[in-house]
Amino acid sequence: MRRYPPRPVPEPLDTNAVPVVLIGMALWLAAGLVLVFLRAALGHAHHGWWLWTCVAGLIIGIVLLGYEWHRRWRRAVAARSTDDTTAA
């Protein structure tokens, strides 16, 4: 078995997931609005949980937005603190 030298660990990418989360939330909202109008038919077919799936998707999107904004804030604070220490 060959032993290769360890590879350097790459730096994590700084991504912006806010647009992705907002698009996902918009899709859940659109699906939920369609299902609100079809609520009676869904109830007769025992698929009322579909509407609650859309609600859960929106709630998860709100949590992810908060997480992403907090993550970006933490990274900005960390970048400012390292800039302050290197400037002195």
PDB file of N, CA and C in Angstrom:
ATOM      1  N   MET A   1       0.831  -1.176   0.000  1.00  0.00           N
ATOM      2  CA  MET A   1       0.000   0.000   0.000  1.00  0.00           C
ATOM      3  C   MET A   1       0.880   1.245   0.000  1.00  0.00           C
ATOM      4  N   ARG A   2       0.611   2.166  -0.917  1.00  0.00           N
ATOM      5  CA  ARG A   2       1.400   3.388  -1.007  1.00  0.00           C
ATOM      6  C   ARG A   2       0.981   4.386   0.064  1.00  0.00           C
ATOM      7  N   ARG A   3       1.948   5.102   0.557  1.00  0.00           N
ATOM      8  CA  ARG A   3       1.667   6.164   1.522  1.00  0.00           C
ATOM      9  C   ARG A   3       1.973   7.495   0.852  1.00  0.00           C
ATOM     10  N   TYR A   4       0.937   8.292   0.697  1.00  0.00           N
ATOM     11  CA  TYR A   4       1.089   9.594   0.079  1.00  0.00           C
ATOM     12  C   TYR A   4       1.259  10.653   1.159  1.00  0.00           C
ATOM     13  N   PRO A   5       1.996  11.719   0.840  1.00  0.00           N
ATOM     14  CA  PRO A   5       2.125  12.784   1.848  1.00  0.00           C
ATOM     15  C   PRO A   5       0.763  13.454   2.069  1.00  0.00           C
ATOM     16  N   PRO A   6       0.524  13.929   3.286  1.00  0.00           N
ATOM     17  CA  PRO A   6      -0.787  14.551   3.563  1.00  0.00           C
ATOM     18  C   PRO A   6      -0.965  15.825   2.748  1.00  0.00           C
ATOM     19  N   ARG A   7      -2.162  15.995   2.281  1.00  0.00           N
ATOM     20  CA  ARG A   7      -2.483  17.196   1.497  1.00  0.00           C
ATOM     21  C   ARG A   7      -2.826  18.337   2.436  1.00  0.00           C
ATOM     22  N   PRO A   8      -2.522  19.558   2.026  1.00  0.00           N
ATOM     23  CA  PRO A   8      -2.887  20.694   2.876  1.00  0.00           C
ATOM     24  C   PRO A   8      -4.408  20.861   2.908  1.00  0.00           C
ATOM     25  N   VAL A   9      -4.917  21.286   4.047  1.00  0.00           N
ATOM     26  CA  VAL A   9      -6.355  21.481   4.211  1.00  0.00           C
ATOM     27  C   VAL A   9      -6.727  22.804   3.552  1.00  0.00           C
ATOM     28  N   PRO A  10      -7.663  22.801   2.597  1.00  0.00           N
ATOM     29  CA  PRO A  10      -8.026  24.059   1.937  1.00  0.00           C
ATOM     30  C   PRO A  10      -8.838  24.960   2.866  1.00  0.00           C
ATOM     31  N   GLU A  11      -8.775  26.244   2.611  1.00  0.00           N
ATOM     32  CA  GLU A  11      -9.566  27.212   3.359  1.00  0.00           C
ATOM     33  C   GLU A  11     -11.039  27.039   3.000  1.00  0.00           C
ATOM     34  N   PRO A  12     -11.943  27.212   3.964  1.00  0.00           N
ATOM     35  CA  PRO A  12     -13.372  27.098   3.641  1.00  0.00           C
ATOM     36  C   PRO A  12     -13.817  28.248   2.735  1.00  0.00           C
ATOM     37  N   LEU A  13     -14.743  27.943   1.848  1.00  0.00           N
ATOM     38  CA  LEU A  13     -15.271  28.959   0.952  1.00  0.00           C
ATOM     39  C   LEU A  13     -16.222  29.880   1.701  1.00  0.00           C
ATOM     40  N   ASP A  14     -16.167  31.160   1.373  1.00  0.00           N
ATOM     41  CA  ASP A  14     -17.113  32.101   1.946  1.00  0.00           C
ATOM     42  C   ASP A  14     -18.261  32.237   0.954  1.00  0.00           C
ATOM     43  N   THR A  15     -19.362  31.597   1.255  1.00  0.00           N
ATOM     44  CA  THR A  15     -20.505  31.593   0.342  1.00  0.00           C
ATOM     45  C   THR A  15     -21.613  32.469   0.887  1.00  0.00           C
ATOM     46  N   ASN A  16     -22.541  32.817   0.017  1.00  0.00           N
ATOM     47  CA  ASN A  16     -23.708  33.588   0.414  1.00  0.00           C
ATOM     48  C   ASN A  16     -24.931  32.730   0.111  1.00  0.00           C
ATOM     49  N   ALA A  17     -25.477  32.102   1.137  1.00  0.00           N
ATOM     50  CA  ALA A  17     -26.606  31.196   0.960  1.00  0.00           C
ATOM     51  C   ALA A  17     -27.946  31.903   1.066  1.00  0.00           C
ATOM     52  N   VAL A  18     -27.956  33.210   1.334  1.00  0.00           N
ATOM     53  CA  VAL A  18     -29.219  33.935   1.514  1.00  0.00           C
ATOM     54  C   VAL A  18     -30.094  33.851   0.266  1.00  0.00           C
ATOM     55  N   PRO A  19     -29.575  34.097  -0.949  1.00  0.00           N
ATOM     56  CA  PRO A  19     -30.448  33.990  -2.125  1.00  0.00           C
ATOM     57  C   PRO A  19     -31.029  32.589  -2.317  1.00  0.00           C
ATOM     58  N   VAL A  20     -30.246  31.570  -2.035  1.00  0.00           N
ATOM     59  CA  VAL A  20     -30.721  30.186  -2.185  1.00  0.00           C
ATOM     60  C   VAL A  20     -31.862  29.915  -1.209  1.00  0.00           C
ATOM     61  N   VAL A  21     -31.696  30.361   0.038  1.00  0.00           N
ATOM     62  CA  VAL A  21     -32.735  30.146   1.046  1.00  0.00           C
ATOM     63  C   VAL A  21     -33.993  30.934   0.678  1.00  0.00           C
ATOM     64  N   LEU A  22     -33.830  32.174   0.204  1.00  0.00           N
ATOM     65  CA  LEU A  22     -34.997  32.979  -0.172  1.00  0.00           C
ATOM     66  C   LEU A  22     -35.759  32.363  -1.345  1.00  0.00           C
ATOM     67  N   ILE A  23     -35.040  31.818  -2.302  1.00  0.00           N
ATOM     68  CA  ILE A  23     -35.703  31.157  -3.438  1.00  0.00           C
ATOM     69  C   ILE A  23     -36.461  29.927  -2.953  1.00  0.00           C
ATOM     70  N   GLY A  24     -35.834  29.149  -2.080  1.00  0.00           N
ATOM     71  CA  GLY A  24     -36.512  27.981  -1.530  1.00  0.00           C
ATOM     72  C   GLY A  24     -37.761  28.369  -0.759  1.00  0.00           C
ATOM     73  N   MET A  25     -37.673  29.435   0.032  1.00  0.00           N
ATOM     74  CA  MET A  25     -38.839  29.894   0.786  1.00  0.00           C
ATOM     75  C   MET A  25     -39.948  30.369  -0.146  1.00  0.00           C
ATOM     76  N   ALA A  26     -39.576  31.039  -1.233  1.00  0.00           N
ATOM     77  CA  ALA A  26     -40.583  31.492  -2.200  1.00  0.00           C
ATOM     78  C   ALA A  26     -41.292  30.308  -2.847  1.00  0.00           C
ATOM     79  N   LEU A  27     -40.548  29.253  -3.139  1.00  0.00           N
ATOM     80  CA  LEU A  27     -41.163  28.061  -3.722  1.00  0.00           C
ATOM     81  C   LEU A  27     -42.098  27.374  -2.731  1.00  0.00           C
ATOM     82  N   TRP A  28     -41.691  27.286  -1.451  1.00  0.00           N
ATOM     83  CA  TRP A  28     -42.571  26.703  -0.438  1.00  0.00           C
ATOM     84  C   TRP A  28     -43.828  27.549  -0.258  1.00  0.00           C
ATOM     85  N   LEU A  29     -43.659  28.868  -0.304  1.00  0.00           N
ATOM     86  CA  LEU A  29     -44.813  29.754  -0.158  1.00  0.00           C
ATOM     87  C   LEU A  29     -45.775  29.589  -1.332  1.00  0.00           C
ATOM     88  N   ALA A  30     -45.246  29.522  -2.549  1.00  0.00           N
ATOM     89  CA  ALA A  30     -46.101  29.341  -3.728  1.00  0.00           C
ATOM     90  C   ALA A  30     -46.851  28.009  -3.654  1.00  0.00           C
ATOM     91  N   ALA A  31     -46.150  26.951  -3.277  1.00  0.00           N
ATOM     92  CA  ALA A  31     -46.810  25.650  -3.161  1.00  0.00           C
ATOM     93  C   ALA A  31     -47.870  25.690  -2.059  1.00  0.00           C
ATOM     94  N   GLY A  32     -47.566  26.359  -0.959  1.00  0.00           N
ATOM     95  CA  GLY A  32     -48.527  26.465   0.133  1.00  0.00           C
ATOM     96  C   GLY A  32     -49.773  27.231  -0.261  1.00  0.00           C
ATOM     97  N   LEU A  33     -49.599  28.300  -1.034  1.00  0.00           N
ATOM     98  CA  LEU A  33     -50.763  29.077  -1.481  1.00  0.00           C
ATOM     99  C   LEU A  33     -51.654  28.256  -2.412  1.00  0.00           C
ATOM    100  N   VAL A  34     -51.045  27.472  -3.281  1.00  0.00           N
ATOM    101  CA  VAL A  34     -51.833  26.600  -4.158  1.00  0.00           C
ATOM    102  C   VAL A  34     -52.600  25.586  -3.319  1.00  0.00           C
ATOM    103  N   LEU A  35     -51.936  25.029  -2.318  1.00  0.00           N
ATOM    104  CA  LEU A  35     -52.575  24.004  -1.496  1.00  0.00           C
ATOM    105  C   LEU A  35     -53.668  24.573  -0.593  1.00  0.00           C
ATOM    106  N   VAL A  36     -53.563  25.847  -0.233  1.00  0.00           N
ATOM    107  CA  VAL A  36     -54.627  26.466   0.571  1.00  0.00           C
ATOM    108  C   VAL A  36     -55.933  26.462  -0.215  1.00  0.00           C
ATOM    109  N   PHE A  37     -55.840  26.751  -1.511  1.00  0.00           N
ATOM    110  CA  PHE A  37     -57.052  26.759  -2.338  1.00  0.00           C
ATOM    111  C   PHE A  37     -57.576  25.348  -2.601  1.00  0.00           C
ATOM    112  N   LEU A  38     -56.721  24.356  -2.492  1.00  0.00           N
ATOM    113  CA  LEU A  38     -57.131  22.964  -2.708  1.00  0.00           C
ATOM    114  C   LEU A  38     -57.327  22.225  -1.390  1.00  0.00           C
ATOM    115  N   ARG A  39     -57.495  22.954  -0.289  1.00  0.00           N
ATOM    116  CA  ARG A  39     -57.567  22.352   1.040  1.00  0.00           C
ATOM    117  C   ARG A  39     -58.696  21.338   1.162  1.00  0.00           C
ATOM    118  N   ALA A  40     -59.859  21.625   0.603  1.00  0.00           N
ATOM    119  CA  ALA A  40     -60.996  20.698   0.717  1.00  0.00           C
ATOM    120  C   ALA A  40     -60.691  19.378   0.005  1.00  0.00           C
ATOM    121  N   ALA A  41     -60.153  19.487  -1.190  1.00  0.00           N
ATOM    122  CA  ALA A  41     -59.818  18.269  -1.945  1.00  0.00           C
ATOM    123  C   ALA A  41     -58.718  17.484  -1.236  1.00  0.00           C
ATOM    124  N   LEU A  42     -57.758  18.184  -0.639  1.00  0.00           N
ATOM    125  CA  LEU A  42     -56.696  17.495   0.084  1.00  0.00           C
ATOM    126  C   LEU A  42     -57.244  16.760   1.302  1.00  0.00           C
ATOM    127  N   GLY A  43     -58.211  17.396   1.982  1.00  0.00           N
ATOM    128  CA  GLY A  43     -58.800  16.755   3.160  1.00  0.00           C
ATOM    129  C   GLY A  43     -59.538  15.486   2.810  1.00  0.00           C
ATOM    130  N   HIS A  44     -60.262  15.490   1.690  1.00  0.00           N
ATOM    131  CA  HIS A  44     -60.994  14.292   1.279  1.00  0.00           C
ATOM    132  C   HIS A  44     -60.048  13.160   0.869  1.00  0.00           C
ATOM    133  N   ALA A  45     -58.909  13.518   0.327  1.00  0.00           N
ATOM    134  CA  ALA A  45     -57.942  12.505  -0.108  1.00  0.00           C
ATOM    135  C   ALA A  45     -56.943  12.143   0.997  1.00  0.00           C
ATOM    136  N   HIS A  46     -57.141  12.703   2.186  1.00  0.00           N
ATOM    137  CA  HIS A  46     -56.250  12.457   3.325  1.00  0.00           C
ATOM    138  C   HIS A  46     -54.823  12.914   3.050  1.00  0.00           C
ATOM    139  N   HIS A  47     -54.694  14.052   2.353  1.00  0.00           N
ATOM    140  CA  HIS A  47     -53.376  14.635   2.077  1.00  0.00           C
ATOM    141  C   HIS A  47     -53.253  16.016   2.695  1.00  0.00           C
ATOM    142  N   GLY A  48     -53.937  16.249   3.795  1.00  0.00           N
ATOM    143  CA  GLY A  48     -53.867  17.542   4.459  1.00  0.00           C
ATOM    144  C   GLY A  48     -52.488  17.869   5.000  1.00  0.00           C
ATOM    145  N   TRP A  49     -51.674  16.868   5.203  1.00  0.00           N
ATOM    146  CA  TRP A  49     -50.321  17.084   5.706  1.00  0.00           C
ATOM    147  C   TRP A  49     -49.435  17.797   4.689  1.00  0.00           C
ATOM    148  N   TRP A  50     -49.826  17.801   3.409  1.00  0.00           N
ATOM    149  CA  TRP A  50     -49.039  18.494   2.391  1.00  0.00           C
ATOM    150  C   TRP A  50     -48.910  19.975   2.724  1.00  0.00           C
ATOM    151  N   LEU A  51     -49.994  20.572   3.186  1.00  0.00           N
ATOM    152  CA  LEU A  51     -49.972  21.987   3.545  1.00  0.00           C
ATOM    153  C   LEU A  51     -49.010  22.218   4.713  1.00  0.00           C
ATOM    154  N   TRP A  52     -49.023  21.321   5.683  1.00  0.00           N
ATOM    155  CA  TRP A  52     -48.118  21.461   6.821  1.00  0.00           C
ATOM    156  C   TRP A  52     -46.663  21.252   6.425  1.00  0.00           C
ATOM    157  N   THR A  53     -46.414  20.512   5.376  1.00  0.00           N
ATOM    158  CA  THR A  53     -45.057  20.364   4.867  1.00  0.00           C
ATOM    159  C   THR A  53     -44.552  21.693   4.328  1.00  0.00           C
ATOM    160  N   CYS A  54     -45.424  22.422   3.654  1.00  0.00           N
ATOM    161  CA  CYS A  54     -45.045  23.756   3.160  1.00  0.00           C
ATOM    162  C   CYS A  54     -44.776  24.714   4.313  1.00  0.00           C
ATOM    163  N   VAL A  55     -45.597  24.636   5.347  1.00  0.00           N
ATOM    164  CA  VAL A  55     -45.377  25.477   6.524  1.00  0.00           C
ATOM    165  C   VAL A  55     -44.036  25.134   7.171  1.00  0.00           C
ATOM    166  N   ALA A  56     -43.731  23.849   7.282  1.00  0.00           N
ATOM    167  CA  ALA A  56     -42.448  23.433   7.853  1.00  0.00           C
ATOM    168  C   ALA A  56     -41.283  23.921   7.001  1.00  0.00           C
ATOM    169  N   GLY A  57     -41.431  23.886   5.676  1.00  0.00           N
ATOM    170  CA  GLY A  57     -40.390  24.396   4.787  1.00  0.00           C
ATOM    171  C   GLY A  57     -40.133  25.878   4.999  1.00  0.00           C
ATOM    172  N   LEU A  58     -41.204  26.642   5.206  1.00  0.00           N
ATOM    173  CA  LEU A  58     -41.045  28.074   5.476  1.00  0.00           C
ATOM    174  C   LEU A  58     -40.363  28.314   6.819  1.00  0.00           C
ATOM    175  N   ILE A  59     -40.734  27.552   7.830  1.00  0.00           N
ATOM    176  CA  ILE A  59     -40.123  27.722   9.148  1.00  0.00           C
ATOM    177  C   ILE A  59     -38.633  27.365   9.100  1.00  0.00           C
ATOM    178  N   ILE A  60     -38.304  26.298   8.418  1.00  0.00           N
ATOM    179  CA  ILE A  60     -36.899  25.921   8.277  1.00  0.00           C
ATOM    180  C   ILE A  60     -36.138  27.003   7.514  1.00  0.00           C
ATOM    181  N   GLY A  61     -36.771  27.605   6.505  1.00  0.00           N
ATOM    182  CA  GLY A  61     -36.137  28.694   5.767  1.00  0.00           C
ATOM    183  C   GLY A  61     -35.858  29.890   6.659  1.00  0.00           C
ATOM    184  N   ILE A  62     -36.780  30.216   7.551  1.00  0.00           N
ATOM    185  CA  ILE A  62     -36.570  31.338   8.469  1.00  0.00           C
ATOM    186  C   ILE A  62     -35.401  31.040   9.402  1.00  0.00           C
ATOM    187  N   VAL A  63     -35.339  29.811   9.896  1.00  0.00           N
ATOM    188  CA  VAL A  63     -34.222  29.416  10.773  1.00  0.00           C
ATOM    189  C   VAL A  63     -32.906  29.498  10.009  1.00  0.00           C
ATOM    190  N   LEU A  64     -32.881  29.037   8.772  1.00  0.00           N
ATOM    191  CA  LEU A  64     -31.657  29.083   7.978  1.00  0.00           C
ATOM    192  C   LEU A  64     -31.232  30.507   7.662  1.00  0.00           C
ATOM    193  N   LEU A  65     -32.190  31.400   7.427  1.00  0.00           N
ATOM    194  CA  LEU A  65     -31.839  32.815   7.213  1.00  0.00           C
ATOM    195  C   LEU A  65     -31.171  33.389   8.454  1.00  0.00           C
ATOM    196  N   GLY A  66     -31.734  33.114   9.608  1.00  0.00           N
ATOM    197  CA  GLY A  66     -31.121  33.586  10.842  1.00  0.00           C
ATOM    198  C   GLY A  66     -29.731  33.029  11.039  1.00  0.00           C
ATOM    199  N   TYR A  67     -29.567  31.744  10.754  1.00  0.00           N
ATOM    200  CA  TYR A  67     -28.255  31.115  10.876  1.00  0.00           C
ATOM    201  C   TYR A  67     -27.259  31.764   9.926  1.00  0.00           C
ATOM    202  N   GLU A  68     -27.660  31.992   8.683  1.00  0.00           N
ATOM    203  CA  GLU A  68     -26.741  32.567   7.688  1.00  0.00           C
ATOM    204  C   GLU A  68     -26.354  33.992   8.056  1.00  0.00           C
ATOM    205  N   TRP A  69     -27.306  34.790   8.493  1.00  0.00           N
ATOM    206  CA  TRP A  69     -26.988  36.164   8.892  1.00  0.00           C
ATOM    207  C   TRP A  69     -26.069  36.175  10.097  1.00  0.00           C
ATOM    208  N   HIS A  70     -26.308  35.278  11.053  1.00  0.00           N
ATOM    209  CA  HIS A  70     -25.448  35.207  12.234  1.00  0.00           C
ATOM    210  C   HIS A  70     -24.046  34.737  11.847  1.00  0.00           C
ATOM    211  N   ARG A  71     -23.941  33.779  10.953  1.00  0.00           N
ATOM    212  CA  ARG A  71     -22.643  33.283  10.504  1.00  0.00           C
ATOM    213  C   ARG A  71     -21.844  34.380   9.827  1.00  0.00           C
ATOM    214  N   ARG A  72     -22.510  35.140   8.966  1.00  0.00           N
ATOM    215  CA  ARG A  72     -21.826  36.226   8.269  1.00  0.00           C
ATOM    216  C   ARG A  72     -21.398  37.316   9.256  1.00  0.00           C
ATOM    217  N   TRP A  73     -22.226  37.579  10.259  1.00  0.00           N
ATOM    218  CA  TRP A  73     -21.876  38.574  11.270  1.00  0.00           C
ATOM    219  C   TRP A  73     -20.635  38.128  12.060  1.00  0.00           C
ATOM    220  N   ARG A  74     -20.614  36.822  12.456  1.00  0.00           N
ATOM    221  CA  ARG A  74     -19.468  36.298  13.188  1.00  0.00           C
ATOM    222  C   ARG A  74     -18.187  36.395  12.367  1.00  0.00           C
ATOM    223  N   ARG A  75     -18.288  36.090  11.081  1.00  0.00           N
ATOM    224  CA  ARG A  75     -17.096  36.165  10.227  1.00  0.00           C
ATOM    225  C   ARG A  75     -16.625  37.600  10.076  1.00  0.00           C
ATOM    226  N   ALA A  76     -17.554  38.558   9.982  1.00  0.00           N
ATOM    227  CA  ALA A  76     -17.176  39.967   9.869  1.00  0.00           C
ATOM    228  C   ALA A  76     -16.498  40.448  11.146  1.00  0.00           C
ATOM    229  N   VAL A  77     -17.024  40.033  12.298  1.00  0.00           N
ATOM    230  CA  VAL A  77     -16.412  40.416  13.574  1.00  0.00           C
ATOM    231  C   VAL A  77     -15.018  39.810  13.679  1.00  0.00           C
ATOM    232  N   ALA A  78     -14.871  38.557  13.294  1.00  0.00           N
ATOM    233  CA  ALA A  78     -13.565  37.907  13.351  1.00  0.00           C
ATOM    234  C   ALA A  78     -12.574  38.582  12.404  1.00  0.00           C
ATOM    235  N   ALA A  79     -13.034  38.977  11.231  1.00  0.00           N
ATOM    236  CA  ALA A  79     -12.150  39.651  10.274  1.00  0.00           C
ATOM    237  C   ALA A  79     -11.713  41.015  10.814  1.00  0.00           C
ATOM    238  N   ARG A  80     -12.637  41.726  11.467  1.00  0.00           N
ATOM    239  CA  ARG A  80     -12.278  43.025  12.040  1.00  0.00           C
ATOM    240  C   ARG A  80     -11.291  42.866  13.181  1.00  0.00           C
ATOM    241  N   SER A  81     -11.460  41.828  13.998  1.00  0.00           N
ATOM    242  CA  SER A  81     -10.555  41.641  15.127  1.00  0.00           C
ATOM    243  C   SER A  81      -9.156  41.257  14.644  1.00  0.00           C
ATOM    244  N   THR A  82      -9.067  40.469  13.584  1.00  0.00           N
ATOM    245  CA  THR A  82      -7.733  40.128  13.064  1.00  0.00           C
ATOM    246  C   THR A  82      -7.113  41.336  12.377  1.00  0.00           C
ATOM    247  N   ASP A  83      -7.913  42.189  11.735  1.00  0.00           N
ATOM    248  CA  ASP A  83      -7.383  43.411  11.126  1.00  0.00           C
ATOM    249  C   ASP A  83      -6.861  44.357  12.186  1.00  0.00           C
ATOM    250  N   ASP A  84      -7.561  44.442  13.331  1.00  0.00           N
ATOM    251  CA  ASP A  84      -7.152  45.327  14.409  1.00  0.00           C
ATOM    252  C   ASP A  84      -5.836  44.854  15.034  1.00  0.00           C
ATOM    253  N   THR A  85      -5.649  43.559  15.154  1.00  0.00           N
ATOM    254  CA  THR A  85      -4.432  43.046  15.786  1.00  0.00           C
ATOM    255  C   THR A  85      -3.248  43.150  14.847  1.00  0.00           C
ATOM    256  N   THR A  86      -3.456  43.024  13.545  1.00  0.00           N
ATOM    257  CA  THR A  86      -2.349  43.117  12.604  1.00  0.00           C
ATOM    258  C   THR A  86      -1.975  44.566  12.327  1.00  0.00           C
ATOM    259  N   ALA A  87      -2.905  45.503  12.529  1.00  0.00           N
ATOM    260  CA  ALA A  87      -2.622  46.908  12.262  1.00  0.00           C
ATOM    261  C   ALA A  87      -1.763  47.510  13.376  1.00  0.00           C
ATOM    262  N   ALA A  88      -1.797  46.932  14.559  1.00  0.00           N
ATOM    263  CA  ALA A  88      -1.061  47.512  15.692  1.00  0.00           C
ATOM    264  C   ALA A  88       0.393  47.194  15.675  1.00  0.00           C
TER     265      ALA A  88
END
